[in-house]
Amino acid sequence: MPRKSKYERVLNKREMVIENYKHQKRLKETFSKMETVTIYDSRGEVEKVGKVIQIIGDKILVQFPWYKETFTHHELYENYLKKQRAEKRKAEKKSSKQKTSAY
């Protein structure tokens, strides 16, 4: 595989930076509209729910029943992805059970 020229590498890096910036901007817009935040555990179960108090730049201050905690947009996005992966695993388990019961 031929090595890319320096010009191509710089262009690719610039495109990646622009895509990352657009992704961060979308996250910021999405999370700035949120009023409540739900934190999930690794199984996709609700661990805790809190109310958004304040958004300062990249940080979101959340009031839980007994304490306050600060999250970044990226941490909340990772939490959302954790929920999606857990739901996908549950759906796969369910479909595999249905396939085995069909035999």
Protein backbone atom coordinates (compact mmCIF):
# COMPACT_ATOMS: atom_id res chain seq x y z
CA MET A 1 0.00 0.00 0.00
CA PRO A 2 1.63 3.25 -1.07
CA ARG A 3 2.13 5.88 1.56
CA LYS A 4 -0.04 8.97 1.28
CA SER A 5 1.66 12.21 0.47
CA LYS A 6 2.07 14.81 3.19
CA TYR A 7 -0.57 16.95 1.48
CA GLU A 8 -3.13 14.11 1.61
CA ARG A 9 -2.35 13.39 5.26
CA VAL A 10 -2.85 17.06 6.17
CA LEU A 11 -6.16 17.15 4.27
CA ASN A 12 -7.38 14.00 6.03
CA LYS A 13 -6.41 15.39 9.41
CA ARG A 14 -8.17 18.68 8.65
CA GLU A 15 -11.33 16.81 7.62
CA MET A 16 -11.23 14.80 10.84
CA VAL A 17 -10.86 17.98 12.90
CA ILE A 18 -13.80 19.60 11.09
CA GLU A 19 -15.98 16.50 11.58
CA ASN A 20 -15.06 16.39 15.27
CA TYR A 21 -15.95 20.08 15.63
CA LYS A 22 -19.33 19.54 13.93
CA HIS A 23 -20.01 16.52 16.16
CA GLN A 24 -19.15 18.51 19.30
CA LYS A 25 -21.39 21.37 18.14
CA ARG A 26 -24.32 18.96 17.58
CA LEU A 27 -23.78 17.47 21.03
CA LYS A 28 -23.72 20.91 22.62
CA GLU A 29 -26.96 21.91 20.86
CA THR A 30 -28.66 18.66 21.85
CA PHE A 31 -27.61 18.69 25.49
CA SER A 32 -28.33 22.39 25.96
CA LYS A 33 -32.04 21.64 25.39
CA MET A 34 -32.15 18.91 28.04
CA GLU A 35 -33.96 19.53 31.31
CA THR A 36 -33.27 16.17 32.95
CA VAL A 37 -30.34 13.76 32.69
CA THR A 38 -30.64 10.00 33.08
CA ILE A 39 -27.53 8.00 33.94
CA TYR A 40 -27.54 4.30 32.97
CA ASP A 41 -25.50 1.38 34.25
CA SER A 42 -23.79 -1.14 31.96
CA ARG A 43 -26.99 -3.24 31.65
CA GLY A 44 -28.99 -0.27 30.36
CA GLU A 45 -30.95 0.07 33.60
CA VAL A 46 -31.64 3.53 35.00
CA GLU A 47 -29.06 4.26 37.67
CA LYS A 48 -30.03 7.82 38.59
CA VAL A 49 -32.00 10.76 37.24
CA GLY A 50 -31.10 14.38 37.81
CA LYS A 51 -32.21 17.87 36.83
CA VAL A 52 -29.98 20.16 34.78
CA ILE A 53 -29.20 23.25 36.84
CA GLN A 54 -26.65 25.10 34.75
CA ILE A 55 -24.66 24.77 31.54
CA ILE A 56 -21.26 26.44 31.53
CA GLY A 57 -19.37 26.01 28.27
CA ASP A 58 -18.65 22.29 27.91
CA LYS A 59 -19.78 21.40 31.45
CA ILE A 60 -23.31 20.56 32.56
CA LEU A 61 -24.16 20.83 36.26
CA VAL A 62 -26.76 18.24 37.30
CA GLN A 63 -28.65 18.13 40.63
CA PHE A 64 -29.34 14.61 41.83
CA PRO A 65 -31.51 14.00 44.93
CA TRP A 66 -28.57 14.04 47.37
CA TYR A 67 -25.74 15.81 45.54
CA LYS A 68 -24.62 17.79 42.48
CA GLU A 69 -22.37 16.45 39.75
CA THR A 70 -20.73 17.96 36.68
CA PHE A 71 -20.64 16.18 33.32
CA THR A 72 -19.19 17.07 29.94
CA HIS A 73 -21.19 16.69 26.74
CA HIS A 74 -18.93 13.80 25.74
CA GLU A 75 -19.57 11.90 29.00
CA LEU A 76 -23.33 12.19 28.52
CA TYR A 77 -22.98 11.01 24.92
CA GLU A 78 -20.95 7.99 26.11
CA ASN A 79 -23.72 7.29 28.62
CA TYR A 80 -26.29 7.39 25.81
CA LEU A 81 -24.18 4.99 23.74
CA LYS A 82 -23.94 2.65 26.74
CA LYS A 83 -27.75 2.52 26.85
CA GLN A 84 -27.94 1.85 23.10
CA ARG A 85 -25.43 -1.02 23.32
CA ALA A 86 -27.33 -2.58 26.24
CA GLU A 87 -30.62 -2.40 24.32
CA LYS A 88 -28.94 -3.99 21.30
CA ARG A 89 -27.58 -6.84 23.46
CA LYS A 90 -31.04 -7.43 24.95
CA ALA A 91 -32.61 -7.55 21.49
CA GLU A 92 -29.96 -10.01 20.29
CA LYS A 93 -30.53 -12.25 23.32
CA LYS A 94 -34.27 -12.16 22.73
CA SER A 95 -33.93 -13.03 19.04
CA SER A 96 -31.47 -15.86 19.79
CA LYS A 97 -33.91 -17.30 22.37
CA GLN A 98 -36.71 -17.19 19.82
CA LYS A 99 -34.51 -18.98 17.27
CA THR A 100 -33.58 -21.74 19.72
CA SER A 101 -37.19 -22.21 20.83
CA ALA A 102 -38.27 -22.63 17.19
CA TYR A 103 -36.29 -25.89 16.86
